[in-house]
Amino acid sequence: MTLQTLLNVTTHIFHPLGFNAEPLSISLVAAGLILLLIVAVGGMAYGLFKAVKAVPNLTTKQFILALLLIAVFMVVIGIILP
């Protein structure tokens, strides 16, 4: 659902009450995006914590494989970004 669609629906619902729905729809979208950002950052922090705990237990081959995967991931992100 786009922001304009949400605005149209909420305006249609709240119009008889004389309520301006635009600030409400924008604040709901902003709150949702902030919540998604918090969950993403928390997930990354949790994953990094688990990875740091696992590194001392890795064999040399597993460690080199992990570094290769990180390098490939960085190259792919570098190609996709521009």
N, C-alpha and C. Protein backbone atom coordinates (compact mmCIF):
# COMPACT_ATOMS: atom_id res chain seq x y z
N MET A 1 0.85 -1.17 0.00
CA MET A 1 0.00 0.00 0.00
C MET A 1 0.90 1.23 0.00
N THR A 2 0.63 2.13 -0.93
CA THR A 2 1.42 3.35 -0.98
C THR A 2 0.88 4.35 0.03
N LEU A 3 1.69 5.36 0.28
CA LEU A 3 1.28 6.41 1.22
C LEU A 3 0.04 7.14 0.71
N GLN A 4 -0.05 7.36 -0.58
CA GLN A 4 -1.21 8.05 -1.14
C GLN A 4 -2.48 7.22 -0.98
N THR A 5 -2.38 5.90 -1.16
CA THR A 5 -3.54 5.03 -0.97
C THR A 5 -3.99 5.03 0.48
N LEU A 6 -3.01 4.95 1.40
CA LEU A 6 -3.34 5.02 2.82
C LEU A 6 -4.01 6.35 3.15
N LEU A 7 -3.50 7.43 2.59
CA LEU A 7 -4.09 8.75 2.82
C LEU A 7 -5.52 8.81 2.28
N ASN A 8 -5.76 8.26 1.10
CA ASN A 8 -7.11 8.27 0.53
C ASN A 8 -8.09 7.47 1.39
N VAL A 9 -7.65 6.31 1.86
CA VAL A 9 -8.54 5.48 2.68
C VAL A 9 -8.84 6.15 4.01
N THR A 10 -7.82 6.66 4.68
CA THR A 10 -8.05 7.29 5.98
C THR A 10 -8.84 8.59 5.84
N THR A 11 -8.60 9.32 4.77
CA THR A 11 -9.39 10.55 4.55
C THR A 11 -10.85 10.20 4.32
N HIS A 12 -11.10 9.13 3.57
CA HIS A 12 -12.48 8.71 3.31
C HIS A 12 -13.16 8.28 4.61
N ILE A 13 -12.44 7.62 5.49
CA ILE A 13 -13.02 7.15 6.76
C ILE A 13 -13.27 8.32 7.71
N PHE A 14 -12.28 9.22 7.84
CA PHE A 14 -12.37 10.29 8.84
C PHE A 14 -12.97 11.58 8.32
N HIS A 15 -13.32 11.67 7.03
CA HIS A 15 -13.86 12.92 6.48
C HIS A 15 -15.16 13.36 7.16
N PRO A 16 -16.10 12.45 7.44
CA PRO A 16 -17.33 12.91 8.12
C PRO A 16 -17.07 13.51 9.50
N LEU A 17 -15.98 13.15 10.14
CA LEU A 17 -15.67 13.69 11.45
C LEU A 17 -14.89 14.99 11.38
N GLY A 18 -14.50 15.40 10.19
CA GLY A 18 -13.71 16.62 10.04
C GLY A 18 -12.28 16.45 10.52
N PHE A 19 -11.76 15.24 10.43
CA PHE A 19 -10.42 14.91 10.93
C PHE A 19 -9.45 14.88 9.75
N ASN A 20 -8.32 15.58 9.88
CA ASN A 20 -7.30 15.56 8.83
C ASN A 20 -6.44 14.32 9.03
N ALA A 21 -6.47 13.41 8.06
CA ALA A 21 -5.81 12.12 8.21
C ALA A 21 -4.37 12.11 7.72
N GLU A 22 -3.94 13.17 7.04
CA GLU A 22 -2.59 13.16 6.47
C GLU A 22 -1.50 13.05 7.54
N PRO A 23 -1.54 13.84 8.62
CA PRO A 23 -0.50 13.66 9.64
C PRO A 23 -0.52 12.28 10.29
N LEU A 24 -1.71 11.72 10.45
CA LEU A 24 -1.83 10.38 11.04
C LEU A 24 -1.19 9.34 10.13
N SER A 25 -1.47 9.41 8.83
CA SER A 25 -0.92 8.41 7.91
C SER A 25 0.60 8.54 7.81
N ILE A 26 1.10 9.75 7.78
CA ILE A 26 2.55 9.94 7.71
C ILE A 26 3.23 9.45 8.98
N SER A 27 2.61 9.72 10.12
CA SER A 27 3.22 9.28 11.38
C SER A 27 3.18 7.76 11.51
N LEU A 28 2.13 7.09 11.01
CA LEU A 28 2.08 5.63 11.04
C LEU A 28 3.16 5.02 10.16
N VAL A 29 3.35 5.59 8.97
CA VAL A 29 4.40 5.09 8.08
C VAL A 29 5.77 5.32 8.70
N ALA A 30 5.99 6.49 9.28
CA ALA A 30 7.28 6.79 9.91
C ALA A 30 7.54 5.85 11.09
N ALA A 31 6.53 5.59 11.90
CA ALA A 31 6.70 4.68 13.04
C ALA A 31 7.02 3.27 12.56
N GLY A 32 6.37 2.83 11.50
CA GLY A 32 6.66 1.51 10.94
C GLY A 32 8.07 1.40 10.41
N LEU A 33 8.53 2.43 9.71
CA LEU A 33 9.89 2.42 9.19
C LEU A 33 10.92 2.44 10.31
N ILE A 34 10.66 3.21 11.35
CA ILE A 34 11.57 3.25 12.49
C ILE A 34 11.63 1.90 13.18
N LEU A 35 10.48 1.24 13.32
CA LEU A 35 10.44 -0.08 13.94
C LEU A 35 11.21 -1.10 13.10
N LEU A 36 11.06 -1.05 11.78
CA LEU A 36 11.82 -1.94 10.91
C LEU A 36 13.31 -1.69 11.02
N LEU A 37 13.72 -0.44 11.13
CA LEU A 37 15.13 -0.10 11.27
C LEU A 37 15.68 -0.64 12.59
N ILE A 38 14.92 -0.50 13.67
CA ILE A 38 15.36 -1.00 14.97
C ILE A 38 15.51 -2.51 14.94
N VAL A 39 14.57 -3.21 14.33
CA VAL A 39 14.65 -4.67 14.24
C VAL A 39 15.86 -5.08 13.39
N ALA A 40 16.11 -4.39 12.28
CA ALA A 40 17.25 -4.71 11.42
C ALA A 40 18.57 -4.49 12.15
N VAL A 41 18.70 -3.38 12.84
CA VAL A 41 19.94 -3.10 13.58
C VAL A 41 20.13 -4.12 14.70
N GLY A 42 19.06 -4.44 15.40
CA GLY A 42 19.15 -5.45 16.46
C GLY A 42 19.54 -6.81 15.92
N GLY A 43 18.99 -7.18 14.78
CA GLY A 43 19.34 -8.46 14.16
C GLY A 43 20.79 -8.50 13.73
N MET A 44 21.28 -7.39 13.17
CA MET A 44 22.69 -7.34 12.77
C MET A 44 23.60 -7.41 13.99
N ALA A 45 23.25 -6.70 15.05
CA ALA A 45 24.07 -6.73 16.26
C ALA A 45 24.09 -8.14 16.86
N TYR A 46 22.95 -8.79 16.88
CA TYR A 46 22.87 -10.15 17.40
C TYR A 46 23.72 -11.11 16.55
N GLY A 47 23.61 -10.97 15.23
CA GLY A 47 24.39 -11.81 14.33
C GLY A 47 25.89 -11.58 14.48
N LEU A 48 26.29 -10.32 14.62
CA LEU A 48 27.71 -10.03 14.81
C LEU A 48 28.21 -10.60 16.14
N PHE A 49 27.41 -10.50 17.17
CA PHE A 49 27.78 -11.06 18.48
C PHE A 49 27.97 -12.57 18.38
N LYS A 50 27.04 -13.24 17.70
CA LYS A 50 27.15 -14.69 17.54
C LYS A 50 28.37 -15.05 16.69
N ALA A 51 28.66 -14.24 15.67
CA ALA A 51 29.82 -14.52 14.82
C ALA A 51 31.13 -14.34 15.58
N VAL A 52 31.22 -13.30 16.41
CA VAL A 52 32.43 -13.07 17.19
C VAL A 52 32.65 -14.19 18.20
N LYS A 53 31.57 -14.72 18.75
CA LYS A 53 31.69 -15.84 19.68
C LYS A 53 32.13 -17.12 18.97
N ALA A 54 31.76 -17.28 17.70
CA ALA A 54 32.05 -18.51 16.97
C ALA A 54 33.45 -18.52 16.37
N VAL A 55 34.07 -17.36 16.13
CA VAL A 55 35.36 -17.30 15.45
C VAL A 55 36.45 -18.09 16.17
N PRO A 56 36.59 -18.01 17.50
CA PRO A 56 37.67 -18.79 18.14
C PRO A 56 37.51 -20.30 17.99
N ASN A 57 36.31 -20.77 17.71
CA ASN A 57 36.07 -22.21 17.59
C ASN A 57 36.21 -22.71 16.15
N LEU A 58 36.49 -21.83 15.20
CA LEU A 58 36.59 -22.22 13.80
C LEU A 58 37.95 -22.83 13.51
N THR A 59 37.95 -23.79 12.57
CA THR A 59 39.22 -24.29 12.06
C THR A 59 39.76 -23.28 11.06
N THR A 60 41.00 -23.48 10.63
CA THR A 60 41.61 -22.54 9.68
C THR A 60 40.83 -22.52 8.37
N LYS A 61 40.40 -23.68 7.87
CA LYS A 61 39.64 -23.74 6.62
C LYS A 61 38.30 -23.01 6.76
N GLN A 62 37.63 -23.20 7.88
CA GLN A 62 36.34 -22.52 8.09
C GLN A 62 36.53 -21.02 8.19
N PHE A 63 37.61 -20.58 8.84
CA PHE A 63 37.88 -19.15 8.96
C PHE A 63 38.16 -18.53 7.60
N ILE A 64 38.97 -19.20 6.78
CA ILE A 64 39.27 -18.69 5.44
C ILE A 64 38.00 -18.68 4.59
N LEU A 65 37.17 -19.69 4.71
CA LEU A 65 35.90 -19.73 3.98
C LEU A 65 34.99 -18.58 4.42
N ALA A 66 34.95 -18.29 5.70
CA ALA A 66 34.14 -17.18 6.20
C ALA A 66 34.66 -15.86 5.65
N LEU A 67 35.98 -15.68 5.60
CA LEU A 67 36.55 -14.45 5.04
C LEU A 67 36.25 -14.34 3.55
N LEU A 68 36.29 -15.47 2.82
CA LEU A 68 35.94 -15.45 1.40
C LEU A 68 34.48 -15.06 1.20
N LEU A 69 33.59 -15.61 2.02
CA LEU A 69 32.17 -15.26 1.90
C LEU A 69 31.94 -13.78 2.18
N ILE A 70 32.62 -13.24 3.17
CA ILE A 70 32.50 -11.82 3.47
C ILE A 70 33.01 -10.99 2.29
N ALA A 71 34.15 -11.40 1.71
CA ALA A 71 34.72 -10.68 0.57
C ALA A 71 33.77 -10.71 -0.63
N VAL A 72 33.19 -11.87 -0.91
CA VAL A 72 32.25 -11.98 -2.04
C VAL A 72 31.02 -11.12 -1.78
N PHE A 73 30.53 -11.14 -0.56
CA PHE A 73 29.37 -10.31 -0.20
C PHE A 73 29.69 -8.83 -0.42
N MET A 74 30.87 -8.40 -0.01
CA MET A 74 31.25 -7.00 -0.17
C MET A 74 31.37 -6.62 -1.65
N VAL A 75 31.91 -7.52 -2.47
CA VAL A 75 32.02 -7.25 -3.91
C VAL A 75 30.64 -7.15 -4.54
N VAL A 76 29.75 -8.05 -4.18
CA VAL A 76 28.39 -8.03 -4.75
C VAL A 76 27.67 -6.74 -4.34
N ILE A 77 27.78 -6.34 -3.10
CA ILE A 77 27.15 -5.09 -2.65
C ILE A 77 27.77 -3.90 -3.38
N GLY A 78 29.08 -3.94 -3.58
CA GLY A 78 29.76 -2.86 -4.32
C GLY A 78 29.31 -2.76 -5.76
N ILE A 79 28.97 -3.91 -6.36
CA ILE A 79 28.48 -3.90 -7.76
C ILE A 79 27.04 -3.40 -7.81
N ILE A 80 26.22 -3.80 -6.84
CA ILE A 80 24.80 -3.46 -6.86
C ILE A 80 24.55 -1.99 -6.54
N LEU A 81 25.34 -1.40 -5.62
CA LEU A 81 25.07 -0.05 -5.14
C LEU A 81 25.03 1.03 -6.23
N PRO A 82 25.99 1.07 -7.14
CA PRO A 82 25.91 2.18 -8.11
C PRO A 82 24.74 1.98 -9.02
